[in-house]
PDB file of all heavy atoms in Angstrom:
ATOM      1  N   ASN A   1     104.758 110.143 121.550  1.00  0.00           N
ATOM      2  CA  ASN A   1     103.783 109.225 121.065  1.00  0.00           C
ATOM      3  C   ASN A   1     104.214 107.770 121.312  1.00  0.00           C
ATOM      4  O   ASN A   1     104.925 107.178 120.538  1.00  0.00           O
ATOM      5  CB  ASN A   1     103.665 109.318 119.569  1.00  0.00           C
ATOM      6  CG  ASN A   1     102.776 110.628 119.110  1.00  0.00           C
ATOM      7  OD1 ASN A   1     101.707 110.896 119.733  1.00  0.00           O
ATOM      8  ND2 ASN A   1     103.385 111.466 118.258  1.00  0.00           N
ATOM      9  N   ASN A   2     103.773 107.334 122.490  1.00  0.00           N
ATOM     10  CA  ASN A   2     104.177 105.949 122.860  1.00  0.00           C
ATOM     11  C   ASN A   2     103.060 104.918 122.897  1.00  0.00           C
ATOM     12  O   ASN A   2     103.268 103.732 122.812  1.00  0.00           O
ATOM     13  CB  ASN A   2     104.792 106.057 124.334  1.00  0.00           C
ATOM     14  CG  ASN A   2     104.921 104.730 125.017  1.00  0.00           C
ATOM     15  OD1 ASN A   2     105.797 103.955 124.680  1.00  0.00           O
ATOM     16  ND2 ASN A   2     104.042 104.469 125.947  1.00  0.00           N
ATOM     17  N   ALA A   3     101.808 105.387 123.021  1.00  0.00           N
ATOM     18  CA  ALA A   3     100.751 104.370 123.182  1.00  0.00           C
ATOM     19  C   ALA A   3     100.760 103.348 122.048  1.00  0.00           C
ATOM     20  O   ALA A   3     100.945 103.727 120.854  1.00  0.00           O
ATOM     21  CB  ALA A   3      99.421 105.109 123.227  1.00  0.00           C
ATOM     22  N   GLY A   4     100.479 102.080 122.378  1.00  0.00           N
ATOM     23  CA  GLY A   4     100.457 101.113 121.252  1.00  0.00           C
ATOM     24  C   GLY A   4      99.977  99.768 121.813  1.00  0.00           C
ATOM     25  O   GLY A   4      99.768  99.519 123.047  1.00  0.00           O
ATOM     26  N   ILE A   5      99.575  98.932 120.914  1.00  0.00           N
ATOM     27  CA  ILE A   5      99.080  97.619 121.214  1.00  0.00           C
ATOM     28  C   ILE A   5      99.668  96.668 120.236  1.00  0.00           C
ATOM     29  O   ILE A   5     100.150  97.054 119.184  1.00  0.00           O
ATOM     30  CB  ILE A   5      97.468  97.586 121.060  1.00  0.00           C
ATOM     31  CG1 ILE A   5      97.050  98.102 119.629  1.00  0.00           C
ATOM     32  CG2 ILE A   5      96.825  98.404 122.162  1.00  0.00           C
ATOM     33  CD1 ILE A   5      95.563  98.052 119.360  1.00  0.00           C
ATOM     34  N   GLY A   6      99.583  95.418 120.549  1.00  0.00           N
ATOM     35  CA  GLY A   6     100.032  94.344 119.736  1.00  0.00           C
ATOM     36  C   GLY A   6      98.912  93.321 119.345  1.00  0.00           C
ATOM     37  O   GLY A   6      97.911  93.274 120.104  1.00  0.00           O
ATOM     38  N   LEU A   7      99.095  92.702 118.281  1.00  0.00           N
ATOM     39  CA  LEU A   7      98.142  91.553 117.896  1.00  0.00           C
ATOM     40  C   LEU A   7      98.836  90.275 117.817  1.00  0.00           C
ATOM     41  O   LEU A   7      99.940  90.149 117.168  1.00  0.00           O
ATOM     42  CB  LEU A   7      97.520  91.850 116.476  1.00  0.00           C
ATOM     43  CG  LEU A   7      96.733  93.219 116.478  1.00  0.00           C
ATOM     44  CD1 LEU A   7      96.285  93.488 114.992  1.00  0.00           C
ATOM     45  CD2 LEU A   7      95.529  93.129 117.391  1.00  0.00           C
ATOM     46  N   LEU A   8      98.320  89.303 118.616  1.00  0.00           N
ATOM     47  CA  LEU A   8      98.992  88.012 118.759  1.00  0.00           C
ATOM     48  C   LEU A   8      98.917  87.116 117.512  1.00  0.00           C
ATOM     49  O   LEU A   8      99.920  86.390 117.303  1.00  0.00           O
ATOM     50  CB  LEU A   8      98.407  87.254 120.011  1.00  0.00           C
ATOM     51  CG  LEU A   8      99.068  85.924 120.352  1.00  0.00           C
ATOM     52  CD1 LEU A   8     100.506  86.165 120.802  1.00  0.00           C
ATOM     53  CD2 LEU A   8      98.294  85.235 121.571  1.00  0.00           C
ATOM     54  N   HIS A   9      97.851  87.148 116.733  1.00  0.00           N
ATOM     55  CA  HIS A   9      97.622  86.258 115.708  1.00  0.00           C
ATOM     56  C   HIS A   9      98.000  86.758 114.308  1.00  0.00           C
ATOM     57  O   HIS A   9      98.302  87.777 114.272  1.00  0.00           O
ATOM     58  CB  HIS A   9      96.160  85.720 115.773  1.00  0.00           C
ATOM     59  CG  HIS A   9      95.726  85.179 117.098  1.00  0.00           C
ATOM     60  ND1 HIS A   9      96.386  84.142 117.678  1.00  0.00           N
ATOM     61  CD2 HIS A   9      94.662  85.550 117.964  1.00  0.00           C
ATOM     62  CE1 HIS A   9      95.716  83.859 118.840  1.00  0.00           C
ATOM     63  NE2 HIS A   9      94.770  84.757 118.974  1.00  0.00           N
ATOM     64  N   ASN A  10      97.990  85.770 113.324  1.00  0.00           N
ATOM     65  CA  ASN A  10      98.233  86.169 112.036  1.00  0.00           C
ATOM     66  C   ASN A  10      97.126  87.058 111.547  1.00  0.00           C
ATOM     67  O   ASN A  10      96.003  87.173 112.003  1.00  0.00           O
ATOM     68  CB  ASN A  10      98.106  84.904 111.091  1.00  0.00           C
ATOM     69  CG  ASN A  10      99.272  83.979 111.308  1.00  0.00           C
ATOM     70  OD1 ASN A  10     100.466  84.398 111.585  1.00  0.00           O
ATOM     71  ND2 ASN A  10      99.027  82.664 111.350  1.00  0.00           N
ATOM     72  N   PHE A  11      97.455  87.917 110.400  1.00  0.00           N
ATOM     73  CA  PHE A  11      96.586  88.833 109.882  1.00  0.00           C
ATOM     74  C   PHE A  11      95.315  88.214 109.395  1.00  0.00           C
ATOM     75  O   PHE A  11      94.193  88.859 109.817  1.00  0.00           O
ATOM     76  CB  PHE A  11      97.305  89.409 108.640  1.00  0.00           C
ATOM     77  CG  PHE A  11      96.362  90.417 107.778  1.00  0.00           C
ATOM     78  CD1 PHE A  11      96.108  91.613 108.389  1.00  0.00           C
ATOM     79  CD2 PHE A  11      96.026  90.171 106.555  1.00  0.00           C
ATOM     80  CE1 PHE A  11      95.318  92.529 107.673  1.00  0.00           C
ATOM     81  CE2 PHE A  11      95.305  91.031 105.784  1.00  0.00           C
ATOM     82  CZ  PHE A  11      94.845  92.235 106.421  1.00  0.00           C
ATOM     83  N   GLU A  12      95.312  87.032 108.885  1.00  0.00           N
ATOM     84  CA  GLU A  12      94.004  86.503 108.440  1.00  0.00           C
ATOM     85  C   GLU A  12      93.185  86.023 109.531  1.00  0.00           C
ATOM     86  O   GLU A  12      91.967  85.810 109.375  1.00  0.00           O
ATOM     87  CB  GLU A  12      94.241  85.301 107.444  1.00  0.00           C
ATOM     88  CG  GLU A  12      94.920  83.975 108.063  1.00  0.00           C
ATOM     89  CD  GLU A  12      96.384  84.056 108.150  1.00  0.00           C
ATOM     90  OE1 GLU A  12      96.987  85.159 108.005  1.00  0.00           O
ATOM     91  OE2 GLU A  12      96.954  83.041 108.345  1.00  0.00           O
ATOM     92  N   ASP A  13      93.797  85.778 110.772  1.00  0.00           N
ATOM     93  CA  ASP A  13      93.015  85.324 111.939  1.00  0.00           C
ATOM     94  C   ASP A  13      92.426  86.390 112.788  1.00  0.00           C
ATOM     95  O   ASP A  13      91.659  86.185 113.612  1.00  0.00           O
ATOM     96  CB  ASP A  13      93.903  84.406 112.794  1.00  0.00           C
ATOM     97  CG  ASP A  13      94.280  83.142 112.106  1.00  0.00           C
ATOM     98  OD1 ASP A  13      93.514  82.690 111.303  1.00  0.00           O
ATOM     99  OD2 ASP A  13      95.406  82.616 112.316  1.00  0.00           O
ATOM    100  N   ASN A  14      92.982  87.683 112.581  1.00  0.00           N
ATOM    101  CA  ASN A  14      92.503  88.797 113.357  1.00  0.00           C
ATOM    102  C   ASN A  14      91.255  89.447 112.795  1.00  0.00           C
ATOM    103  O   ASN A  14      91.154  89.549 111.615  1.00  0.00           O
ATOM    104  CB  ASN A  14      93.590  89.842 113.466  1.00  0.00           C
ATOM    105  CG  ASN A  14      94.844  89.438 114.243  1.00  0.00           C
ATOM    106  OD1 ASN A  14      94.584  88.744 115.211  1.00  0.00           O
ATOM    107  ND2 ASN A  14      96.006  89.871 113.758  1.00  0.00           N
ATOM    108  N   PRO A  15      90.248  89.724 113.584  1.00  0.00           N
ATOM    109  CA  PRO A  15      89.059  90.472 113.119  1.00  0.00           C
ATOM    110  C   PRO A  15      89.561  91.785 112.445  1.00  0.00           C
ATOM    111  O   PRO A  15      90.543  92.409 113.065  1.00  0.00           O
ATOM    112  CB  PRO A  15      88.256  90.807 114.348  1.00  0.00           C
ATOM    113  CG  PRO A  15      88.636  89.663 115.317  1.00  0.00           C
ATOM    114  CD  PRO A  15      90.118  89.387 115.065  1.00  0.00           C
ATOM    115  N   VAL A  16      89.035  92.182 111.413  1.00  0.00           N
ATOM    116  CA  VAL A  16      89.485  93.410 110.648  1.00  0.00           C
ATOM    117  C   VAL A  16      89.284  94.621 111.544  1.00  0.00           C
ATOM    118  O   VAL A  16      90.132  95.572 111.457  1.00  0.00           O
ATOM    119  CB  VAL A  16      88.754  93.443 109.327  1.00  0.00           C
ATOM    120  CG1 VAL A  16      87.285  93.935 109.497  1.00  0.00           C
ATOM    121  CG2 VAL A  16      89.506  94.483 108.475  1.00  0.00           C
ATOM    122  N   GLU A  17      88.281  94.646 112.459  1.00  0.00           N
ATOM    123  CA  GLU A  17      88.166  95.779 113.401  1.00  0.00           C
ATOM    124  C   GLU A  17      89.321  95.942 114.286  1.00  0.00           C
ATOM    125  O   GLU A  17      89.741  97.107 114.594  1.00  0.00           O
ATOM    126  CB  GLU A  17      86.841  95.633 114.082  1.00  0.00           C
ATOM    127  CG  GLU A  17      85.540  95.899 113.185  1.00  0.00           C
ATOM    128  CD  GLU A  17      85.555  97.194 112.503  1.00  0.00           C
ATOM    129  OE1 GLU A  17      85.982  98.225 113.038  1.00  0.00           O
ATOM    130  OE2 GLU A  17      85.276  97.162 111.349  1.00  0.00           O
ATOM    131  N   GLU A  18      89.819  94.757 114.671  1.00  0.00           N
ATOM    132  CA  GLU A  18      91.072  94.898 115.549  1.00  0.00           C
ATOM    133  C   GLU A  18      92.317  95.361 114.641  1.00  0.00           C
ATOM    134  O   GLU A  18      93.059  96.188 115.306  1.00  0.00           O
ATOM    135  CB  GLU A  18      91.376  93.393 116.145  1.00  0.00           C
ATOM    136  CG  GLU A  18      90.509  93.018 117.241  1.00  0.00           C
ATOM    137  CD  GLU A  18      90.987  91.826 117.891  1.00  0.00           C
ATOM    138  OE1 GLU A  18      92.171  91.413 117.726  1.00  0.00           O
ATOM    139  OE2 GLU A  18      90.171  91.113 118.568  1.00  0.00           O
ATOM    140  N   GLU A  19      92.370  94.931 113.416  1.00  0.00           N
ATOM    141  CA  GLU A  19      93.490  95.516 112.653  1.00  0.00           C
ATOM    142  C   GLU A  19      93.324  96.958 112.407  1.00  0.00           C
ATOM    143  O   GLU A  19      94.335  97.755 112.446  1.00  0.00           O
ATOM    144  CB  GLU A  19      93.424  94.657 111.315  1.00  0.00           C
ATOM    145  CG  GLU A  19      93.915  93.334 111.426  1.00  0.00           C
ATOM    146  CD  GLU A  19      95.467  93.155 111.516  1.00  0.00           C
ATOM    147  OE1 GLU A  19      96.178  94.235 111.552  1.00  0.00           O
ATOM    148  OE2 GLU A  19      95.948  92.092 111.726  1.00  0.00           O
ATOM    149  N   LYS A  20      92.110  97.480 112.195  1.00  0.00           N
ATOM    150  CA  LYS A  20      91.942  98.932 111.946  1.00  0.00           C
ATOM    151  C   LYS A  20      92.178  99.654 113.179  1.00  0.00           C
ATOM    152  O   LYS A  20      92.826 100.768 113.101  1.00  0.00           O
ATOM    153  CB  LYS A  20      90.479  99.071 111.479  1.00  0.00           C
ATOM    154  CG  LYS A  20      90.150  98.544 110.112  1.00  0.00           C
ATOM    155  CD  LYS A  20      88.625  98.541 109.880  1.00  0.00           C
ATOM    156  CE  LYS A  20      88.008  99.959 109.925  1.00  0.00           C
ATOM    157  NZ  LYS A  20      86.538  99.966 109.530  1.00  0.00           N
ATOM    158  N   ARG A  21      91.853  99.278 114.379  1.00  0.00           N
ATOM    159  CA  ARG A  21      92.122  99.832 115.562  1.00  0.00           C
ATOM    160  C   ARG A  21      93.654  99.997 115.868  1.00  0.00           C
ATOM    161  O   ARG A  21      94.182 100.946 116.296  1.00  0.00           O
ATOM    162  CB  ARG A  21      91.372  99.111 116.716  1.00  0.00           C
ATOM    163  CG  ARG A  21      91.702  99.614 118.161  1.00  0.00           C
ATOM    164  CD  ARG A  21      90.749  98.919 119.139  1.00  0.00           C
ATOM    165  NE  ARG A  21      91.034  99.253 120.521  1.00  0.00           N
ATOM    166  CZ  ARG A  21      91.878  98.598 121.362  1.00  0.00           C
ATOM    167  NH1 ARG A  21      92.376  97.423 120.881  1.00  0.00           N
ATOM    168  NH2 ARG A  21      92.093  98.955 122.533  1.00  0.00           N
ATOM    169  N   HIS A  22      94.379  98.825 115.599  1.00  0.00           N
ATOM    170  CA  HIS A  22      95.765  98.692 115.741  1.00  0.00           C
ATOM    171  C   HIS A  22      96.529  99.751 114.840  1.00  0.00           C
ATOM    172  O   HIS A  22      97.385 100.509 115.268  1.00  0.00           O
ATOM    173  CB  HIS A  22      96.149  97.208 115.265  1.00  0.00           C
ATOM    174  CG  HIS A  22      97.624  96.958 115.129  1.00  0.00           C
ATOM    175  ND1 HIS A  22      98.301  97.177 114.078  1.00  0.00           N
ATOM    176  CD2 HIS A  22      98.454  96.551 116.111  1.00  0.00           C
ATOM    177  CE1 HIS A  22      99.585  96.763 114.281  1.00  0.00           C
ATOM    178  NE2 HIS A  22      99.685  96.469 115.523  1.00  0.00           N
ATOM    179  N   LEU A  23      96.035  99.865 113.539  1.00  0.00           N
ATOM    180  CA  LEU A  23      96.600 100.708 112.624  1.00  0.00           C
ATOM    181  C   LEU A  23      96.367 102.198 113.048  1.00  0.00           C
ATOM    182  O   LEU A  23      97.216 103.094 112.900  1.00  0.00           O
ATOM    183  CB  LEU A  23      96.174 100.474 111.094  1.00  0.00           C
ATOM    184  CG  LEU A  23      96.767 101.370 110.102  1.00  0.00           C
ATOM    185  CD1 LEU A  23      98.268 101.262 110.007  1.00  0.00           C
ATOM    186  CD2 LEU A  23      96.060 101.131 108.766  1.00  0.00           C
ATOM    187  N   LYS A  24      95.156 102.428 113.463  1.00  0.00           N
ATOM    188  CA  LYS A  24      94.773 103.830 113.849  1.00  0.00           C
ATOM    189  C   LYS A  24      95.639 104.342 114.968  1.00  0.00           C
ATOM    190  O   LYS A  24      96.109 105.502 114.982  1.00  0.00           O
ATOM    191  CB  LYS A  24      93.286 103.883 114.310  1.00  0.00           C
ATOM    192  CG  LYS A  24      92.658 105.176 114.667  1.00  0.00           C
ATOM    193  CD  LYS A  24      91.257 105.110 115.119  1.00  0.00           C
ATOM    194  CE  LYS A  24      90.682 106.395 115.455  1.00  0.00           C
ATOM    195  NZ  LYS A  24      90.586 107.262 114.317  1.00  0.00           N
ATOM    196  N   LEU A  25      95.859 103.522 116.036  1.00  0.00           N
ATOM    197  CA  LEU A  25      96.642 103.842 117.159  1.00  0.00           C
ATOM    198  C   LEU A  25      98.029 104.182 116.750  1.00  0.00           C
ATOM    199  O   LEU A  25      98.609 105.279 117.187  1.00  0.00           O
ATOM    200  CB  LEU A  25      96.509 102.787 118.278  1.00  0.00           C
ATOM    201  CG  LEU A  25      97.236 103.141 119.536  1.00  0.00           C
ATOM    202  CD1 LEU A  25      96.793 104.459 120.206  1.00  0.00           C
ATOM    203  CD2 LEU A  25      97.124 101.975 120.525  1.00  0.00           C
ATOM    204  N   HIS A  26      98.602 103.266 116.010  1.00  0.00           N
ATOM    205  CA  HIS A  26     100.082 103.419 115.730  1.00  0.00           C
ATOM    206  C   HIS A  26     100.376 104.549 114.725  1.00  0.00           C
ATOM    207  O   HIS A  26     101.431 105.103 114.853  1.00  0.00           O
ATOM    208  CB  HIS A  26     100.678 102.172 115.342  1.00  0.00           C
ATOM    209  CG  HIS A  26     100.743 101.054 116.372  1.00  0.00           C
ATOM    210  ND1 HIS A  26     101.676 101.100 117.369  1.00  0.00           N
ATOM    211  CD2 HIS A  26     100.018  99.971 116.627  1.00  0.00           C
ATOM    212  CE1 HIS A  26     101.539 100.075 118.159  1.00  0.00           C
ATOM    213  NE2 HIS A  26     100.523  99.374 117.753  1.00  0.00           N
ATOM    214  N   ALA A  27      99.527 104.681 113.754  1.00  0.00           N
ATOM    215  CA  ALA A  27      99.782 105.549 112.618  1.00  0.00           C
ATOM    216  C   ALA A  27      98.928 106.791 112.687  1.00  0.00           C
ATOM    217  O   ALA A  27      99.459 107.959 112.845  1.00  0.00           O
ATOM    218  CB  ALA A  27      99.626 104.822 111.292  1.00  0.00           C
ATOM    219  N   GLU A  28      97.659 106.693 112.593  1.00  0.00           N
ATOM    220  CA  GLU A  28      96.753 107.885 112.368  1.00  0.00           C
ATOM    221  C   GLU A  28      96.846 108.709 113.709  1.00  0.00           C
ATOM    222  O   GLU A  28      97.000 109.991 113.571  1.00  0.00           O
ATOM    223  CB  GLU A  28      95.271 107.363 112.268  1.00  0.00           C
ATOM    224  CG  GLU A  28      94.299 108.602 112.149  1.00  0.00           C
ATOM    225  CD  GLU A  28      92.893 108.096 111.847  1.00  0.00           C
ATOM    226  OE1 GLU A  28      92.652 107.138 111.182  1.00  0.00           O
ATOM    227  OE2 GLU A  28      91.925 108.831 112.386  1.00  0.00           O
ATOM    228  N   THR A  29      96.697 108.142 114.870  1.00  0.00           N
ATOM    229  CA  THR A  29      96.754 108.949 116.023  1.00  0.00           C
ATOM    230  C   THR A  29      98.094 109.632 116.310  1.00  0.00           C
ATOM    231  O   THR A  29      98.086 110.860 116.666  1.00  0.00           O
ATOM    232  CB  THR A  29      96.394 108.087 117.334  1.00  0.00           C
ATOM    233  OG1 THR A  29      95.119 107.477 117.207  1.00  0.00           O
ATOM    234  CG2 THR A  29      96.571 108.827 118.583  1.00  0.00           C
ATOM    235  N   ALA A  30      99.156 108.932 116.053  1.00  0.00           N
ATOM    236  CA  ALA A  30     100.545 109.618 116.156  1.00  0.00           C
ATOM    237  C   ALA A  30     100.643 110.885 115.134  1.00  0.00           C
ATOM    238  O   ALA A  30     101.070 111.894 115.477  1.00  0.00           O
ATOM    239  CB  ALA A  30     101.560 108.553 115.725  1.00  0.00           C
ATOM    240  N   LEU A  31     100.032 110.682 113.910  1.00  0.00           N
ATOM    241  CA  LEU A  31     100.063 111.668 112.913  1.00  0.00           C
ATOM    242  C   LEU A  31      99.238 112.920 113.519  1.00  0.00           C
ATOM    243  O   LEU A  31      99.619 114.082 113.456  1.00  0.00           O
ATOM    244  CB  LEU A  31      99.475 111.178 111.590  1.00  0.00           C
ATOM    245  CG  LEU A  31      99.337 112.213 110.470  1.00  0.00           C
ATOM    246  CD1 LEU A  31      99.543 111.578 109.145  1.00  0.00           C
ATOM    247  CD2 LEU A  31      98.040 112.922 110.527  1.00  0.00           C
ATOM    248  N   VAL A  32      98.041 112.625 113.949  1.00  0.00           N
ATOM    249  CA  VAL A  32      97.090 113.712 114.381  1.00  0.00           C
ATOM    250  C   VAL A  32      97.700 114.472 115.607  1.00  0.00           C
ATOM    251  O   VAL A  32      97.701 115.748 115.605  1.00  0.00           O
ATOM    252  CB  VAL A  32      95.707 113.152 114.856  1.00  0.00           C
ATOM    253  CG1 VAL A  32      94.897 114.159 115.494  1.00  0.00           C
ATOM    254  CG2 VAL A  32      94.963 112.617 113.618  1.00  0.00           C
ATOM    255  N   LEU A  33      98.291 113.758 116.548  1.00  0.00           N
ATOM    256  CA  LEU A  33      98.920 114.465 117.754  1.00  0.00           C
ATOM    257  C   LEU A  33     100.146 115.246 117.320  1.00  0.00           C
ATOM    258  O   LEU A  33     100.400 116.357 117.870  1.00  0.00           O
ATOM    259  CB  LEU A  33      99.242 113.467 118.790  1.00  0.00           C
ATOM    260  CG  LEU A  33      98.053 112.673 119.477  1.00  0.00           C
ATOM    261  CD1 LEU A  33      98.338 111.820 120.593  1.00  0.00           C
ATOM    262  CD2 LEU A  33      96.838 113.579 119.682  1.00  0.00           C
ATOM    263  N   SER A  34     100.920 114.685 116.442  1.00  0.00           N
ATOM    264  CA  SER A  34     102.123 115.359 115.991  1.00  0.00           C
ATOM    265  C   SER A  34     101.750 116.701 115.290  1.00  0.00           C
ATOM    266  O   SER A  34     102.409 117.642 115.477  1.00  0.00           O
ATOM    267  CB  SER A  34     102.960 114.528 115.056  1.00  0.00           C
ATOM    268  OG  SER A  34     103.464 113.314 115.705  1.00  0.00           O
ATOM    269  N   HIS A  35     100.733 116.523 114.442  1.00  0.00           N
ATOM    270  CA  HIS A  35     100.209 117.719 113.667  1.00  0.00           C
ATOM    271  C   HIS A  35      99.873 118.868 114.682  1.00  0.00           C
ATOM    272  O   HIS A  35     100.129 120.010 114.479  1.00  0.00           O
ATOM    273  CB  HIS A  35      99.027 117.328 112.685  1.00  0.00           C
ATOM    274  CG  HIS A  35      98.639 118.356 111.852  1.00  0.00           C
ATOM    275  ND1 HIS A  35      97.665 119.309 112.195  1.00  0.00           N
ATOM    276  CD2 HIS A  35      99.071 118.682 110.515  1.00  0.00           C
ATOM    277  CE1 HIS A  35      97.495 120.175 111.115  1.00  0.00           C
ATOM    278  NE2 HIS A  35      98.290 119.787 110.148  1.00  0.00           N
ATOM    279  N   ALA A  36      99.027 118.430 115.618  1.00  0.00           N
ATOM    280  CA  ALA A  36      98.504 119.419 116.695  1.00  0.00           C
ATOM    281  C   ALA A  36      99.721 120.030 117.402  1.00  0.00           C
ATOM    282  O   ALA A  36      99.679 121.265 117.720  1.00  0.00           O
ATOM    283  CB  ALA A  36      97.642 118.738 117.596  1.00  0.00           C
ATOM    284  N   ALA A  37     100.742 119.263 117.837  1.00  0.00           N
ATOM    285  CA  ALA A  37     101.828 119.726 118.617  1.00  0.00           C
ATOM    286  C   ALA A  37     102.779 120.703 117.790  1.00  0.00           C
ATOM    287  O   ALA A  37     103.362 121.598 118.301  1.00  0.00           O
ATOM    288  CB  ALA A  37     102.664 118.615 119.142  1.00  0.00           C
ATOM    289  N   LEU A  38     102.911 120.350 116.564  1.00  0.00           N
ATOM    290  CA  LEU A  38     103.780 121.102 115.576  1.00  0.00           C
ATOM    291  C   LEU A  38     103.529 122.532 115.474  1.00  0.00           C
ATOM    292  O   LEU A  38     104.329 123.401 115.438  1.00  0.00           O
ATOM    293  CB  LEU A  38     103.857 120.449 114.242  1.00  0.00           C
ATOM    294  CG  LEU A  38     104.954 119.519 113.966  1.00  0.00           C
ATOM    295  CD1 LEU A  38     104.745 118.731 112.786  1.00  0.00           C
ATOM    296  CD2 LEU A  38     106.357 120.134 114.007  1.00  0.00           C
ATOM    297  N   LYS A  39     102.206 122.846 115.469  1.00  0.00           N
ATOM    298  CA  LYS A  39     101.773 124.228 115.289  1.00  0.00           C
ATOM    299  C   LYS A  39     102.375 125.148 116.323  1.00  0.00           C
ATOM    300  O   LYS A  39     102.973 126.222 116.000  1.00  0.00           O
ATOM    301  CB  LYS A  39     100.258 124.328 115.146  1.00  0.00           C
ATOM    302  CG  LYS A  39      99.684 123.560 114.032  1.00  0.00           C
ATOM    303  CD  LYS A  39      98.006 123.762 113.945  1.00  0.00           C
ATOM    304  CE  LYS A  39      97.466 123.162 112.777  1.00  0.00           C
ATOM    305  NZ  LYS A  39      96.023 123.351 112.708  1.00  0.00           N
ATOM    306  N   GLY A  40     102.188 124.854 117.519  1.00  0.00           N
ATOM    307  CA  GLY A  40     102.725 125.668 118.704  1.00  0.00           C
ATOM    308  C   GLY A  40     104.244 125.615 118.679  1.00  0.00           C
ATOM    309  O   GLY A  40     104.928 126.686 118.919  1.00  0.00           O
TER     310      GLY A  40
END
C-alpha cells in the first residue's frame, strides 16, 4: 500500500473535499485493500 498524496497548505486553507480525499487514500483505501488481501 504505497499510493499517497500530499497537501501543501494549512488545514484551514485546504478545501474539505481535498482533505477527505487525502484521508481516504491514506487510511480507508489501505484498510480496504489490506482486508481483501488478508482473507486469501
